[in-house]
């Protein structure tokens, strides 16, 4: 997503009682959090770094971070995306990766050997 969509998703999650933190240049930050006043020490230990917080951001913001679960939403051919960027974001997941799209999935999600992805229209 772009910055505006990431901010909208973060706001919507927080409004529904799901703690969400936007990812900035210095890592995840909860809305209204004061830098340097979060739990823990060191990079990424500030406000928004807790295990029960959903981190929301544009794809490049996740470089160098690692998560138990990663969800990539809105992945379609309408979104400019390169294979290296998709690979970088997908490899942030240690346990599980979920990818969602609207309309036709990005051509980057199909491989020549596997063919197109199955689509569940349920």
PDB file of N, CA and C in Angstrom:
ATOM      1  N   UNK A   1       0.826  -1.207   0.000  1.00  0.00           N
ATOM      2  CA  UNK A   1       0.000   0.000   0.000  1.00  0.00           C
ATOM      3  C   UNK A   1       0.860   1.257   0.000  1.00  0.00           C
ATOM      4  N   UNK A   2       0.242   2.366  -0.386  1.00  0.00           N
ATOM      5  CA  UNK A   2       0.960   3.630  -0.290  1.00  0.00           C
ATOM      6  C   UNK A   2       0.818   4.172   1.133  1.00  0.00           C
ATOM      7  N   UNK A   3       1.473   5.281   1.429  1.00  0.00           N
ATOM      8  CA  UNK A   3       1.462   5.827   2.790  1.00  0.00           C
ATOM      9  C   UNK A   3       0.056   6.149   3.283  1.00  0.00           C
ATOM     10  N   UNK A   4      -0.782   6.706   2.396  1.00  0.00           N
ATOM     11  CA  UNK A   4      -2.144   7.062   2.799  1.00  0.00           C
ATOM     12  C   UNK A   4      -2.951   5.818   3.160  1.00  0.00           C
ATOM     13  N   UNK A   5      -2.833   4.765   2.369  1.00  0.00           N
ATOM     14  CA  UNK A   5      -3.570   3.532   2.656  1.00  0.00           C
ATOM     15  C   UNK A   5      -3.049   2.871   3.934  1.00  0.00           C
ATOM     16  N   UNK A   6      -1.740   2.893   4.138  1.00  0.00           N
ATOM     17  CA  UNK A   6      -1.172   2.313   5.365  1.00  0.00           C
ATOM     18  C   UNK A   6      -1.706   3.059   6.588  1.00  0.00           C
ATOM     19  N   UNK A   7      -1.777   4.388   6.519  1.00  0.00           N
ATOM     20  CA  UNK A   7      -2.302   5.183   7.632  1.00  0.00           C
ATOM     21  C   UNK A   7      -3.780   4.890   7.859  1.00  0.00           C
ATOM     22  N   UNK A   8      -4.527   4.695   6.776  1.00  0.00           N
ATOM     23  CA  UNK A   8      -5.959   4.382   6.880  1.00  0.00           C
ATOM     24  C   UNK A   8      -6.170   3.010   7.534  1.00  0.00           C
ATOM     25  N   UNK A   9      -5.374   2.025   7.161  1.00  0.00           N
ATOM     26  CA  UNK A   9      -5.477   0.685   7.758  1.00  0.00           C
ATOM     27  C   UNK A   9      -5.113   0.745   9.238  1.00  0.00           C
ATOM     28  N   UNK A  10      -4.050   1.473   9.574  1.00  0.00           N
ATOM     29  CA  UNK A  10      -3.654   1.610  10.977  1.00  0.00           C
ATOM     30  C   UNK A  10      -4.786   2.240  11.798  1.00  0.00           C
ATOM     31  N   UNK A  11      -5.374   3.310  11.275  1.00  0.00           N
ATOM     32  CA  UNK A  11      -6.474   3.989  11.972  1.00  0.00           C
ATOM     33  C   UNK A  11      -7.664   3.065  12.144  1.00  0.00           C
ATOM     34  N   UNK A  12      -8.035   2.347  11.092  1.00  0.00           N
ATOM     35  CA  UNK A  12      -9.196   1.454  11.149  1.00  0.00           C
ATOM     36  C   UNK A  12      -8.989   0.334  12.168  1.00  0.00           C
ATOM     37  N   UNK A  13      -7.798  -0.224  12.213  1.00  0.00           N
ATOM     38  CA  UNK A  13      -7.520  -1.273  13.195  1.00  0.00           C
ATOM     39  C   UNK A  13      -7.630  -0.731  14.620  1.00  0.00           C
ATOM     40  N   UNK A  14      -7.023   0.423  14.866  1.00  0.00           N
ATOM     41  CA  UNK A  14      -7.076   1.022  16.202  1.00  0.00           C
ATOM     42  C   UNK A  14      -8.505   1.361  16.612  1.00  0.00           C
ATOM     43  N   UNK A  15      -9.317   1.835  15.676  1.00  0.00           N
ATOM     44  CA  UNK A  15     -10.719   2.148  15.973  1.00  0.00           C
ATOM     45  C   UNK A  15     -11.504   0.911  16.370  1.00  0.00           C
ATOM     46  N   UNK A  16     -11.067  -0.244  15.894  1.00  0.00           N
ATOM     47  CA  UNK A  16     -11.751  -1.497  16.206  1.00  0.00           C
ATOM     48  C   UNK A  16     -11.129  -2.217  17.405  1.00  0.00           C
ATOM     49  N   UNK A  17     -10.261  -1.523  18.114  1.00  0.00           N
ATOM     50  CA  UNK A  17      -9.671  -2.094  19.322  1.00  0.00           C
ATOM     51  C   UNK A  17      -8.485  -3.003  19.083  1.00  0.00           C
ATOM     52  N   UNK A  18      -7.935  -2.984  17.866  1.00  0.00           N
ATOM     53  CA  UNK A  18      -6.758  -3.791  17.538  1.00  0.00           C
ATOM     54  C   UNK A  18      -5.559  -2.850  17.528  1.00  0.00           C
ATOM     55  N   UNK A  19      -4.634  -3.062  18.452  1.00  0.00           N
ATOM     56  CA  UNK A  19      -3.464  -2.185  18.545  1.00  0.00           C
ATOM     57  C   UNK A  19      -2.650  -2.286  17.264  1.00  0.00           C
ATOM     58  N   UNK A  20      -2.467  -1.158  16.591  1.00  0.00           N
ATOM     59  CA  UNK A  20      -1.711  -1.119  15.343  1.00  0.00           C
ATOM     60  C   UNK A  20      -0.699   0.013  15.414  1.00  0.00           C
ATOM     61  N   UNK A  21       0.466  -0.214  14.847  1.00  0.00           N
ATOM     62  CA  UNK A  21       1.533   0.784  14.832  1.00  0.00           C
ATOM     63  C   UNK A  21       2.043   0.952  13.419  1.00  0.00           C
ATOM     64  N   UNK A  22       2.152   2.185  12.988  1.00  0.00           N
ATOM     65  CA  UNK A  22       2.748   2.464  11.694  1.00  0.00           C
ATOM     66  C   UNK A  22       4.252   2.262  11.782  1.00  0.00           C
ATOM     67  N   UNK A  23       4.863   1.840  10.682  1.00  0.00           N
ATOM     68  CA  UNK A  23       6.309   1.637  10.661  1.00  0.00           C
ATOM     69  C   UNK A  23       6.934   2.847   9.979  1.00  0.00           C
ATOM     70  N   UNK A  24       7.750   3.570  10.736  1.00  0.00           N
ATOM     71  CA  UNK A  24       8.468   4.719  10.204  1.00  0.00           C
ATOM     72  C   UNK A  24       9.929   4.378   9.992  1.00  0.00           C
ATOM     73  N   UNK A  25      10.714   5.395   9.720  1.00  0.00           N
ATOM     74  CA  UNK A  25      12.143   5.188   9.478  1.00  0.00           C
ATOM     75  C   UNK A  25      12.848   4.617  10.705  1.00  0.00           C
ATOM     76  N   UNK A  26      12.299   4.893  11.898  1.00  0.00           N
ATOM     77  CA  UNK A  26      12.926   4.406  13.124  1.00  0.00           C
ATOM     78  C   UNK A  26      12.181   3.221  13.726  1.00  0.00           C
ATOM     79  N   UNK A  27      11.332   2.567  12.952  1.00  0.00           N
ATOM     80  CA  UNK A  27      10.624   1.380  13.420  1.00  0.00           C
ATOM     81  C   UNK A  27       9.172   1.662  13.746  1.00  0.00           C
ATOM     82  N   UNK A  28       8.485   0.677  14.332  1.00  0.00           N
ATOM     83  CA  UNK A  28       7.058   0.817  14.614  1.00  0.00           C
ATOM     84  C   UNK A  28       6.771   1.805  15.728  1.00  0.00           C
ATOM     85  N   UNK A  29       5.728   2.606  15.544  1.00  0.00           N
ATOM     86  CA  UNK A  29       5.308   3.579  16.540  1.00  0.00           C
ATOM     87  C   UNK A  29       3.792   3.579  16.643  1.00  0.00           C
ATOM     88  N   UNK A  30       3.290   3.411  17.863  1.00  0.00           N
ATOM     89  CA  UNK A  30       1.852   3.513  18.097  1.00  0.00           C
ATOM     90  C   UNK A  30       1.430   4.958  17.912  1.00  0.00           C
ATOM     91  N   UNK A  31       0.217   5.168  17.423  1.00  0.00           N
ATOM     92  CA  UNK A  31      -0.311   6.518  17.271  1.00  0.00           C
ATOM     93  C   UNK A  31      -0.286   7.215  18.618  1.00  0.00           C
ATOM     94  N   UNK A  32       0.267   8.416  18.672  1.00  0.00           N
ATOM     95  CA  UNK A  32       0.320   9.185  19.906  1.00  0.00           C
ATOM     96  C   UNK A  32       1.451   8.801  20.839  1.00  0.00           C
ATOM     97  N   UNK A  33       2.270   7.827  20.459  1.00  0.00           N
ATOM     98  CA  UNK A  33       3.365   7.398  21.329  1.00  0.00           C
ATOM     99  C   UNK A  33       4.494   8.421  21.290  1.00  0.00           C
ATOM    100  N   UNK A  34       5.182   8.553  22.396  1.00  0.00           N
ATOM    101  CA  UNK A  34       6.312   9.472  22.498  1.00  0.00           C
ATOM    102  C   UNK A  34       7.600   8.677  22.320  1.00  0.00           C
ATOM    103  N   UNK A  35       8.424   9.039  21.324  1.00  0.00           N
ATOM    104  CA  UNK A  35       9.681   8.311  21.126  1.00  0.00           C
ATOM    105  C   UNK A  35      10.517   8.304  22.397  1.00  0.00           C
ATOM    106  N   UNK A  36      11.121   7.153  22.683  1.00  0.00           N
ATOM    107  CA  UNK A  36      11.973   7.011  23.847  1.00  0.00           C
ATOM    108  C   UNK A  36      11.242   6.678  25.133  1.00  0.00           C
ATOM    109  N   UNK A  37       9.921   6.562  25.086  1.00  0.00           N
ATOM    110  CA  UNK A  37       9.163   6.261  26.294  1.00  0.00           C
ATOM    111  C   UNK A  37       8.484   4.905  26.241  1.00  0.00           C
ATOM    112  N   UNK A  38       8.960   4.042  25.358  1.00  0.00           N
ATOM    113  CA  UNK A  38       8.356   2.720  25.233  1.00  0.00           C
ATOM    114  C   UNK A  38       9.086   1.698  26.076  1.00  0.00           C
ATOM    115  N   UNK A  39       8.539   0.479  26.141  1.00  0.00           N
ATOM    116  CA  UNK A  39       9.178  -0.583  26.908  1.00  0.00           C
ATOM    117  C   UNK A  39      10.448  -1.073  26.237  1.00  0.00           C
ATOM    118  N   UNK A  40      11.371  -1.566  27.025  1.00  0.00           N
ATOM    119  CA  UNK A  40      12.577  -2.195  26.474  1.00  0.00           C
ATOM    120  C   UNK A  40      13.643  -1.190  26.098  1.00  0.00           C
ATOM    121  N   UNK A  41      14.709  -1.678  25.541  1.00  0.00           N
ATOM    122  CA  UNK A  41      15.848  -0.861  25.154  1.00  0.00           C
ATOM    123  C   UNK A  41      16.245  -1.196  23.724  1.00  0.00           C
ATOM    124  N   UNK A  42      16.928  -0.272  23.063  1.00  0.00           N
ATOM    125  CA  UNK A  42      17.507  -0.537  21.758  1.00  0.00           C
ATOM    126  C   UNK A  42      16.541  -0.322  20.612  1.00  0.00           C
ATOM    127  N   UNK A  43      17.035  -0.488  19.369  1.00  0.00           N
ATOM    128  CA  UNK A  43      16.218  -0.262  18.188  1.00  0.00           C
ATOM    129  C   UNK A  43      14.993  -1.172  18.160  1.00  0.00           C
ATOM    130  N   UNK A  44      13.866  -0.621  17.799  1.00  0.00           N
ATOM    131  CA  UNK A  44      12.650  -1.409  17.678  1.00  0.00           C
ATOM    132  C   UNK A  44      12.003  -1.753  19.006  1.00  0.00           C
ATOM    133  N   UNK A  45      12.541  -1.241  20.125  1.00  0.00           N
ATOM    134  CA  UNK A  45      11.986  -1.576  21.428  1.00  0.00           C
ATOM    135  C   UNK A  45      11.084  -0.475  21.965  1.00  0.00           C
ATOM    136  N   UNK A  46      10.829   0.547  21.171  1.00  0.00           N
ATOM    137  CA  UNK A  46      10.013   1.667  21.618  1.00  0.00           C
ATOM    138  C   UNK A  46       8.531   1.375  21.517  1.00  0.00           C
ATOM    139  N   UNK A  47       7.712   2.424  21.604  1.00  0.00           N
ATOM    140  CA  UNK A  47       6.262   2.260  21.517  1.00  0.00           C
ATOM    141  C   UNK A  47       5.869   1.536  20.230  1.00  0.00           C
ATOM    142  N   UNK A  48       5.032   0.558  20.343  1.00  0.00           N
ATOM    143  CA  UNK A  48       4.595  -0.187  19.166  1.00  0.00           C
ATOM    144  C   UNK A  48       5.378  -1.450  18.926  1.00  0.00           C
ATOM    145  N   UNK A  49       6.358  -1.746  19.785  1.00  0.00           N
ATOM    146  CA  UNK A  49       7.208  -2.918  19.572  1.00  0.00           C
ATOM    147  C   UNK A  49       6.701  -4.157  20.287  1.00  0.00           C
ATOM    148  N   UNK A  50       5.562  -4.085  20.967  1.00  0.00           N
ATOM    149  CA  UNK A  50       5.053  -5.229  21.708  1.00  0.00           C
ATOM    150  C   UNK A  50       4.586  -6.358  20.807  1.00  0.00           C
ATOM    151  N   UNK A  51       4.484  -7.563  21.358  1.00  0.00           N
ATOM    152  CA  UNK A  51       4.104  -8.722  20.554  1.00  0.00           C
ATOM    153  C   UNK A  51       2.636  -8.717  20.123  1.00  0.00           C
ATOM    154  N   UNK A  52       1.807  -7.902  20.748  1.00  0.00           N
ATOM    155  CA  UNK A  52       0.380  -7.880  20.424  1.00  0.00           C
ATOM    156  C   UNK A  52      -0.010  -6.687  19.567  1.00  0.00           C
ATOM    157  N   UNK A  53       0.947  -6.124  18.852  1.00  0.00           N
ATOM    158  CA  UNK A  53       0.700  -4.948  18.028  1.00  0.00           C
ATOM    159  C   UNK A  53       0.862  -5.328  16.562  1.00  0.00           C
ATOM    160  N   UNK A  54      -0.117  -4.946  15.743  1.00  0.00           N
ATOM    161  CA  UNK A  54      -0.044  -5.165  14.299  1.00  0.00           C
ATOM    162  C   UNK A  54       0.768  -4.025  13.698  1.00  0.00           C
ATOM    163  N   UNK A  55       1.819  -4.348  12.953  1.00  0.00           N
ATOM    164  CA  UNK A  55       2.635  -3.333  12.306  1.00  0.00           C
ATOM    165  C   UNK A  55       2.135  -3.131  10.880  1.00  0.00           C
ATOM    166  N   UNK A  56       1.907  -1.883  10.521  1.00  0.00           N
ATOM    167  CA  UNK A  56       1.347  -1.528   9.223  1.00  0.00           C
ATOM    168  C   UNK A  56       2.304  -0.562   8.540  1.00  0.00           C
ATOM    169  N   UNK A  57       2.593  -0.825   7.267  1.00  0.00           N
ATOM    170  CA  UNK A  57       3.464   0.094   6.545  1.00  0.00           C
ATOM    171  C   UNK A  57       3.549  -0.254   5.079  1.00  0.00           C
ATOM    172  N   UNK A  58       4.257   0.575   4.349  1.00  0.00           N
ATOM    173  CA  UNK A  58       4.517   0.279   2.949  1.00  0.00           C
ATOM    174  C   UNK A  58       5.556  -0.841   2.892  1.00  0.00           C
ATOM    175  N   UNK A  59       5.601  -1.559   1.798  1.00  0.00           N
ATOM    176  CA  UNK A  59       6.478  -2.729   1.708  1.00  0.00           C
ATOM    177  C   UNK A  59       7.944  -2.422   2.013  1.00  0.00           C
ATOM    178  N   UNK A  60       8.530  -1.342   1.495  1.00  0.00           N
ATOM    179  CA  UNK A  60       9.953  -1.099   1.774  1.00  0.00           C
ATOM    180  C   UNK A  60      10.267  -0.897   3.259  1.00  0.00           C
ATOM    181  N   UNK A  61       9.288  -0.490   4.063  1.00  0.00           N
ATOM    182  CA  UNK A  61       9.513  -0.252   5.496  1.00  0.00           C
ATOM    183  C   UNK A  61       9.816  -1.530   6.270  1.00  0.00           C
ATOM    184  N   UNK A  62       9.527  -2.686   5.695  1.00  0.00           N
ATOM    185  CA  UNK A  62       9.723  -3.945   6.410  1.00  0.00           C
ATOM    186  C   UNK A  62      11.121  -4.534   6.210  1.00  0.00           C
ATOM    187  N   UNK A  63      11.936  -3.872   5.403  1.00  0.00           N
ATOM    188  CA  UNK A  63      13.287  -4.372   5.154  1.00  0.00           C
ATOM    189  C   UNK A  63      14.063  -4.442   6.467  1.00  0.00           C
ATOM    190  N   UNK A  64      14.702  -5.582   6.706  1.00  0.00           N
ATOM    191  CA  UNK A  64      15.515  -5.774   7.891  1.00  0.00           C
ATOM    192  C   UNK A  64      14.739  -6.209   9.126  1.00  0.00           C
ATOM    193  N   UNK A  65      13.424  -6.272   9.042  1.00  0.00           N
ATOM    194  CA  UNK A  65      12.607  -6.695  10.175  1.00  0.00           C
ATOM    195  C   UNK A  65      12.224  -8.154  10.007  1.00  0.00           C
ATOM    196  N   UNK A  66      11.815  -8.793  11.095  1.00  0.00           N
ATOM    197  CA  UNK A  66      11.395 -10.190  11.048  1.00  0.00           C
ATOM    198  C   UNK A  66      10.156 -10.363  11.911  1.00  0.00           C
ATOM    199  N   UNK A  67       9.212 -11.172  11.419  1.00  0.00           N
ATOM    200  CA  UNK A  67       7.945 -11.381  12.117  1.00  0.00           C
ATOM    201  C   UNK A  67       7.582 -12.853  12.119  1.00  0.00           C
ATOM    202  N   UNK A  68       6.797 -13.249  13.099  1.00  0.00           N
ATOM    203  CA  UNK A  68       6.279 -14.613  13.127  1.00  0.00           C
ATOM    204  C   UNK A  68       5.323 -14.818  11.963  1.00  0.00           C
ATOM    205  N   UNK A  69       4.428 -13.843  11.747  1.00  0.00           N
ATOM    206  CA  UNK A  69       3.461 -13.926  10.657  1.00  0.00           C
ATOM    207  C   UNK A  69       3.473 -12.631   9.846  1.00  0.00           C
ATOM    208  N   UNK A  70       3.334 -12.770   8.538  1.00  0.00           N
ATOM    209  CA  UNK A  70       3.273 -11.610   7.651  1.00  0.00           C
ATOM    210  C   UNK A  70       2.047 -11.738   6.770  1.00  0.00           C
ATOM    211  N   UNK A  71       1.311 -10.648   6.644  1.00  0.00           N
ATOM    212  CA  UNK A  71       0.162 -10.576   5.754  1.00  0.00           C
ATOM    213  C   UNK A  71       0.428  -9.449   4.768  1.00  0.00           C
ATOM    214  N   UNK A  72       0.395  -9.778   3.486  1.00  0.00           N
ATOM    215  CA  UNK A  72       0.561  -8.780   2.434  1.00  0.00           C
ATOM    216  C   UNK A  72      -0.804  -8.624   1.776  1.00  0.00           C
ATOM    217  N   UNK A  73      -1.355  -7.415   1.836  1.00  0.00           N
ATOM    218  CA  UNK A  73      -2.705  -7.186   1.314  1.00  0.00           C
ATOM    219  C   UNK A  73      -2.662  -6.258   0.102  1.00  0.00           C
ATOM    220  N   UNK A  74      -3.626  -6.453  -0.789  1.00  0.00           N
ATOM    221  CA  UNK A  74      -3.789  -5.563  -1.930  1.00  0.00           C
ATOM    222  C   UNK A  74      -2.787  -5.785  -3.038  1.00  0.00           C
ATOM    223  N   UNK A  75      -2.287  -6.992  -3.176  1.00  0.00           N
ATOM    224  CA  UNK A  75      -1.261  -7.282  -4.169  1.00  0.00           C
ATOM    225  C   UNK A  75      -1.913  -7.617  -5.511  1.00  0.00           C
ATOM    226  N   UNK A  76      -1.874  -6.670  -6.421  1.00  0.00           N
ATOM    227  CA  UNK A  76      -2.432  -6.893  -7.757  1.00  0.00           C
ATOM    228  C   UNK A  76      -1.515  -6.232  -8.773  1.00  0.00           C
ATOM    229  N   UNK A  77      -1.796  -6.426 -10.046  1.00  0.00           N
ATOM    230  CA  UNK A  77      -0.974  -5.809 -11.088  1.00  0.00           C
ATOM    231  C   UNK A  77      -1.139  -4.295 -11.121  1.00  0.00           C
ATOM    232  N   UNK A  78      -2.143  -3.774 -10.418  1.00  0.00           N
ATOM    233  CA  UNK A  78      -2.313  -2.313 -10.347  1.00  0.00           C
ATOM    234  C   UNK A  78      -1.294  -1.682  -9.401  1.00  0.00           C
ATOM    235  N   UNK A  79      -0.690  -2.506  -8.537  1.00  0.00           N
ATOM    236  CA  UNK A  79       0.295  -2.014  -7.569  1.00  0.00           C
ATOM    237  C   UNK A  79       1.678  -2.223  -8.162  1.00  0.00           C
ATOM    238  N   UNK A  80       2.460  -1.142  -8.333  1.00  0.00           N
ATOM    239  CA  UNK A  80       3.814  -1.322  -8.873  1.00  0.00           C
ATOM    240  C   UNK A  80       4.673  -2.107  -7.884  1.00  0.00           C
ATOM    241  N   UNK A  81       5.220  -3.218  -8.339  1.00  0.00           N
ATOM    242  CA  UNK A  81       5.963  -4.105  -7.456  1.00  0.00           C
ATOM    243  C   UNK A  81       7.008  -4.852  -8.266  1.00  0.00           C
ATOM    244  N   UNK A  82       8.182  -5.019  -7.680  1.00  0.00           N
ATOM    245  CA  UNK A  82       9.230  -5.795  -8.336  1.00  0.00           C
ATOM    246  C   UNK A  82       9.386  -7.124  -7.624  1.00  0.00           C
ATOM    247  N   UNK A  83       9.913  -8.096  -8.324  1.00  0.00           N
ATOM    248  CA  UNK A  83      10.143  -9.409  -7.729  1.00  0.00           C
ATOM    249  C   UNK A  83      11.076  -9.321  -6.511  1.00  0.00           C
ATOM    250  N   UNK A  84      12.193  -8.546  -6.569  1.00  0.00           N
ATOM    251  CA  UNK A  84      13.046  -8.456  -5.377  1.00  0.00           C
ATOM    252  C   UNK A  84      12.330  -7.858  -4.160  1.00  0.00           C
ATOM    253  N   UNK A  85      11.457  -6.873  -4.369  1.00  0.00           N
ATOM    254  CA  UNK A  85      10.721  -6.280  -3.248  1.00  0.00           C
ATOM    255  C   UNK A  85       9.734  -7.288  -2.666  1.00  0.00           C
ATOM    256  N   UNK A  86       9.024  -8.010  -3.520  1.00  0.00           N
ATOM    257  CA  UNK A  86       8.099  -9.035  -3.039  1.00  0.00           C
ATOM    258  C   UNK A  86       8.868 -10.119  -2.267  1.00  0.00           C
ATOM    259  N   UNK A  87      10.004 -10.544  -2.784  1.00  0.00           N
ATOM    260  CA  UNK A  87      10.823 -11.550  -2.110  1.00  0.00           C
ATOM    261  C   UNK A  87      11.267 -11.049  -0.736  1.00  0.00           C
ATOM    262  N   UNK A  88      11.745  -9.805  -0.683  1.00  0.00           N
ATOM    263  CA  UNK A  88      12.213  -9.237   0.578  1.00  0.00           C
ATOM    264  C   UNK A  88      11.095  -9.243   1.614  1.00  0.00           C
ATOM    265  N   UNK A  89       9.903  -8.802   1.237  1.00  0.00           N
ATOM    266  CA  UNK A  89       8.799  -8.731   2.193  1.00  0.00           C
ATOM    267  C   UNK A  89       8.330 -10.132   2.580  1.00  0.00           C
ATOM    268  N   UNK A  90       8.227 -11.029   1.625  1.00  0.00           N
ATOM    269  CA  UNK A  90       7.748 -12.386   1.909  1.00  0.00           C
ATOM    270  C   UNK A  90       8.702 -13.135   2.841  1.00  0.00           C
ATOM    271  N   UNK A  91       9.976 -12.846   2.759  1.00  0.00           N
ATOM    272  CA  UNK A  91      10.941 -13.559   3.600  1.00  0.00           C
ATOM    273  C   UNK A  91      11.068 -12.947   4.995  1.00  0.00           C
ATOM    274  N   UNK A  92      10.240 -11.974   5.328  1.00  0.00           N
ATOM    275  CA  UNK A  92      10.195 -11.430   6.695  1.00  0.00           C
ATOM    276  C   UNK A  92       9.453 -12.388   7.614  1.00  0.00           C
ATOM    277  N   UNK A  93       8.679 -13.320   7.068  1.00  0.00           N
ATOM    278  CA  UNK A  93       7.849 -14.236   7.859  1.00  0.00           C
ATOM    279  C   UNK A  93       8.655 -15.450   8.299  1.00  0.00           C
ATOM    280  N   UNK A  94       8.603 -15.748   9.617  1.00  0.00           N
ATOM    281  CA  UNK A  94       9.269 -16.951  10.141  1.00  0.00           C
ATOM    282  C   UNK A  94       8.350 -18.162  10.070  1.00  0.00           C
ATOM    283  N   UNK A  95       7.067 -17.979  10.370  1.00  0.00           N
ATOM    284  CA  UNK A  95       6.133 -19.103  10.484  1.00  0.00           C
ATOM    285  C   UNK A  95       5.124 -19.167   9.344  1.00  0.00           C
ATOM    286  N   UNK A  96       4.481 -18.031   9.043  1.00  0.00           N
ATOM    287  CA  UNK A  96       3.436 -18.082   8.014  1.00  0.00           C
ATOM    288  C   UNK A  96       3.381 -16.786   7.215  1.00  0.00           C
ATOM    289  N   UNK A  97       2.963 -16.928   5.970  1.00  0.00           N
ATOM    290  CA  UNK A  97       2.820 -15.811   5.045  1.00  0.00           C
ATOM    291  C   UNK A  97       1.449 -15.910   4.398  1.00  0.00           C
ATOM    292  N   UNK A  98       0.704 -14.810   4.426  1.00  0.00           N
ATOM    293  CA  UNK A  98      -0.602 -14.739   3.775  1.00  0.00           C
ATOM    294  C   UNK A  98      -0.571 -13.590   2.782  1.00  0.00           C
ATOM    295  N   UNK A  99      -1.046 -13.836   1.574  1.00  0.00           N
ATOM    296  CA  UNK A  99      -1.078 -12.801   0.544  1.00  0.00           C
ATOM    297  C   UNK A  99      -2.511 -12.680   0.039  1.00  0.00           C
ATOM    298  N   UNK A 100      -3.017 -11.451   0.031  1.00  0.00           N
ATOM    299  CA  UNK A 100      -4.374 -11.182  -0.437  1.00  0.00           C
ATOM    300  C   UNK A 100      -4.324 -10.179  -1.580  1.00  0.00           C
ATOM    301  N   UNK A 101      -5.278 -10.294  -2.481  1.00  0.00           N
ATOM    302  CA  UNK A 101      -5.362  -9.358  -3.596  1.00  0.00           C
ATOM    303  C   UNK A 101      -6.819  -9.131  -3.939  1.00  0.00           C
ATOM    304  N   UNK A 102      -7.037  -8.069  -4.702  1.00  0.00           N
ATOM    305  CA  UNK A 102      -8.370  -7.739  -5.190  1.00  0.00           C
ATOM    306  C   UNK A 102      -8.328  -7.824  -6.708  1.00  0.00           C
ATOM    307  N   UNK A 103      -9.324  -8.437  -7.307  1.00  0.00           N
ATOM    308  CA  UNK A 103      -9.320  -8.617  -8.757  1.00  0.00           C
ATOM    309  C   UNK A 103      -8.340  -9.699  -9.154  1.00  0.00           C
ATOM    310  N   UNK A 104      -7.541  -9.429 -10.164  1.00  0.00           N
ATOM    311  CA  UNK A 104      -6.542 -10.389 -10.627  1.00  0.00           C
ATOM    312  C   UNK A 104      -5.282 -10.272  -9.775  1.00  0.00           C
ATOM    313  N   UNK A 105      -4.707 -11.406  -9.365  1.00  0.00           N
ATOM    314  CA  UNK A 105      -3.473 -11.341  -8.573  1.00  0.00           C
ATOM    315  C   UNK A 105      -2.306 -10.837  -9.429  1.00  0.00           C
ATOM    316  N   UNK A 106      -1.298 -10.326  -8.769  1.00  0.00           N
ATOM    317  CA  UNK A 106      -0.102  -9.866  -9.462  1.00  0.00           C
ATOM    318  C   UNK A 106       0.514 -11.012 -10.254  1.00  0.00           C
ATOM    319  N   UNK A 107       1.056 -10.696 -11.408  1.00  0.00           N
ATOM    320  CA  UNK A 107       1.724 -11.722 -12.220  1.00  0.00           C
ATOM    321  C   UNK A 107       2.946 -12.290 -11.480  1.00  0.00           C
ATOM    322  N   UNK A 108       3.447 -11.587 -10.464  1.00  0.00           N
ATOM    323  CA  UNK A 108       4.592 -12.074  -9.700  1.00  0.00           C
ATOM    324  C   UNK A 108       4.240 -13.254  -8.796  1.00  0.00           C
ATOM    325  N   UNK A 109       2.954 -13.511  -8.605  1.00  0.00           N
ATOM    326  CA  UNK A 109       2.543 -14.611  -7.738  1.00  0.00           C
ATOM    327  C   UNK A 109       2.461 -15.950  -8.470  1.00  0.00           C
ATOM    328  N   UNK A 110       2.631 -15.953  -9.765  1.00  0.00           N
ATOM    329  CA  UNK A 110       2.604 -17.197 -10.536  1.00  0.00           C
ATOM    330  C   UNK A 110       4.031 -17.529 -10.974  1.00  0.00           C
ATOM    331  N   UNK A 111       4.318 -18.810 -11.031  1.00  0.00           N
ATOM    332  CA  UNK A 111       5.630 -19.213 -11.545  1.00  0.00           C
ATOM    333  C   UNK A 111       5.410 -20.036 -12.801  1.00  0.00           C
ATOM    334  N   UNK A 112       6.425 -20.095 -13.614  1.00  0.00           N
ATOM    335  CA  UNK A 112       6.307 -20.852 -14.851  1.00  0.00           C
ATOM    336  C   UNK A 112       6.097 -22.331 -14.590  1.00  0.00           C
ATOM    337  N   UNK A 113       6.697 -22.864 -13.527  1.00  0.00           N
ATOM    338  CA  UNK A 113       6.574 -24.288 -13.249  1.00  0.00           C
ATOM    339  C   UNK A 113       5.242 -24.626 -12.572  1.00  0.00           C
ATOM    340  N   UNK A 114       4.749 -23.714 -11.729  1.00  0.00           N
ATOM    341  CA  UNK A 114       3.529 -23.996 -10.978  1.00  0.00           C
ATOM    342  C   UNK A 114       2.273 -23.537 -11.708  1.00  0.00           C
ATOM    343  N   UNK A 115       2.427 -22.630 -12.654  1.00  0.00           N
ATOM    344  CA  UNK A 115       1.248 -22.082 -13.320  1.00  0.00           C
ATOM    345  C   UNK A 115       0.570 -21.055 -12.428  1.00  0.00           C
ATOM    346  N   UNK A 116      -0.628 -20.632 -12.803  1.00  0.00           N
ATOM    347  CA  UNK A 116      -1.308 -19.608 -12.019  1.00  0.00           C
ATOM    348  C   UNK A 116      -1.771 -20.140 -10.673  1.00  0.00           C
ATOM    349  N   UNK A 117      -1.922 -19.233  -9.725  1.00  0.00           N
ATOM    350  CA  UNK A 117      -2.407 -19.598  -8.388  1.00  0.00           C
ATOM    351  C   UNK A 117      -3.881 -19.968  -8.440  1.00  0.00           C
ATOM    352  N   UNK A 118      -4.284 -20.924  -7.625  1.00  0.00           N
ATOM    353  CA  UNK A 118      -5.714 -21.219  -7.525  1.00  0.00           C
ATOM    354  C   UNK A 118      -6.412 -20.052  -6.840  1.00  0.00           C
ATOM    355  N   UNK A 119      -7.613 -19.745  -7.291  1.00  0.00           N
ATOM    356  CA  UNK A 119      -8.376 -18.645  -6.730  1.00  0.00           C
ATOM    357  C   UNK A 119      -9.588 -19.202  -6.014  1.00  0.00           C
ATOM    358  N   UNK A 120      -9.751 -18.830  -4.753  1.00  0.00           N
ATOM    359  CA  UNK A 120     -10.896 -19.251  -3.979  1.00  0.00           C
ATOM    360  C   UNK A 120     -11.938 -18.144  -4.023  1.00  0.00           C
ATOM    361  N   UNK A 121     -13.029 -18.355  -4.716  1.00  0.00           N
ATOM    362  CA  UNK A 121     -14.068 -17.352  -4.855  1.00  0.00           C
ATOM    363  C   UNK A 121     -15.166 -17.517  -3.829  1.00  0.00           C
ATOM    364  N   UNK A 122     -14.872 -18.162  -2.719  1.00  0.00           N
ATOM    365  CA  UNK A 122     -15.905 -18.395  -1.694  1.00  0.00           C
ATOM    366  C   UNK A 122     -16.295 -17.116  -1.009  1.00  0.00           C
TER     367      UNK A 122
END
